[in-house]
Amino acid sequence: MKRKMRILYKREWWVIFFILGFFFINYPIIHIFNKDFIIFGYPIFFLYLIMGWFCSIMVIFIYAWISEHRL
């Protein structure tokens, strides 16, 4: 159990999350959501950016919370 928890504290996770974040704001992925499609009155591109921003904040929050509450 303790060995599994050590994986969460490695610096490589930050690099992985950075690469994923860079990938999701790169041109081919953004082009998929840059359409004239509206959900709840908002363009899908706007919702994609807001949800990506929210998810990145949640990843940082969860990582910081887990590292603060080490076993």
Protein backbone atom coordinates (compact mmCIF):
# COMPACT_ATOMS: atom_id res chain seq x y z
CA MET A 1 0.00 0.00 0.00
CA LYS A 2 2.73 2.43 0.95
CA ARG A 3 4.60 1.76 -2.29
CA LYS A 4 1.51 2.69 -4.31
CA MET A 5 1.16 5.96 -2.42
CA ARG A 6 4.79 6.89 -3.18
CA ILE A 7 3.97 6.95 -6.88
CA LEU A 8 1.70 9.95 -6.34
CA TYR A 9 4.53 12.07 -4.96
CA LYS A 10 6.94 11.79 -7.84
CA ARG A 11 7.84 14.82 -9.89
CA GLU A 12 7.21 12.94 -13.10
CA TRP A 13 3.48 13.36 -12.55
CA TRP A 14 3.85 17.13 -12.98
CA VAL A 15 5.62 16.57 -16.29
CA ILE A 16 2.87 14.20 -17.43
CA PHE A 17 0.14 16.67 -16.49
CA PHE A 18 1.99 19.50 -18.22
CA ILE A 19 2.31 17.48 -21.43
CA LEU A 20 -1.37 16.51 -21.28
CA GLY A 21 -2.38 20.13 -20.71
CA PHE A 22 -0.23 21.26 -23.60
CA PHE A 23 -1.74 18.56 -25.79
CA PHE A 24 -5.29 19.61 -24.96
CA ILE A 25 -4.69 23.26 -25.85
CA ASN A 26 -2.87 22.45 -29.06
CA TYR A 27 -4.37 23.28 -32.47
CA PRO A 28 -5.78 19.90 -33.61
CA ILE A 29 -7.71 19.35 -30.38
CA ILE A 30 -8.97 22.92 -30.14
CA HIS A 31 -10.05 22.75 -33.78
CA ILE A 32 -12.37 19.86 -32.90
CA PHE A 33 -14.27 22.07 -30.45
CA ASN A 34 -14.20 25.28 -32.50
CA LYS A 35 -17.61 24.69 -34.07
CA ASP A 36 -20.86 26.64 -34.23
CA PHE A 37 -22.52 24.31 -31.74
CA ILE A 38 -24.22 25.73 -28.64
CA ILE A 39 -24.98 23.93 -25.37
CA PHE A 40 -27.09 25.75 -22.76
CA GLY A 41 -26.54 28.98 -24.69
CA TYR A 42 -22.74 28.75 -24.66
CA PRO A 43 -20.47 27.81 -27.56
CA ILE A 44 -18.85 24.40 -27.16
CA PHE A 45 -15.38 25.97 -27.52
CA PHE A 46 -16.01 28.17 -24.49
CA LEU A 47 -17.24 25.18 -22.46
CA TYR A 48 -14.19 23.15 -23.51
CA LEU A 49 -11.81 25.86 -22.26
CA ILE A 50 -13.72 26.36 -18.99
CA MET A 51 -13.89 22.62 -18.29
CA GLY A 52 -10.19 22.22 -19.09
CA TRP A 53 -9.34 25.08 -16.76
CA PHE A 54 -11.52 23.59 -14.01
CA CYS A 55 -9.98 20.11 -14.44
CA SER A 56 -6.43 21.48 -14.28
CA ILE A 57 -7.23 23.31 -11.03
CA MET A 58 -8.78 20.15 -9.58
CA VAL A 59 -5.70 18.09 -10.50
CA ILE A 60 -3.45 20.61 -8.75
CA PHE A 61 -5.76 20.71 -5.72
CA ILE A 62 -5.97 16.92 -5.41
CA TYR A 63 -2.21 16.50 -5.84
CA ALA A 64 -1.50 19.14 -3.19
CA TRP A 65 -4.08 17.67 -0.82
CA ILE A 66 -2.70 14.14 -1.17
CA SER A 67 0.89 15.28 -0.70
CA GLU A 68 -0.12 17.23 2.41
CA HIS A 69 -1.89 14.24 3.96
CA ARG A 70 0.88 11.67 3.55
CA LEU A 71 0.61 8.45 5.49
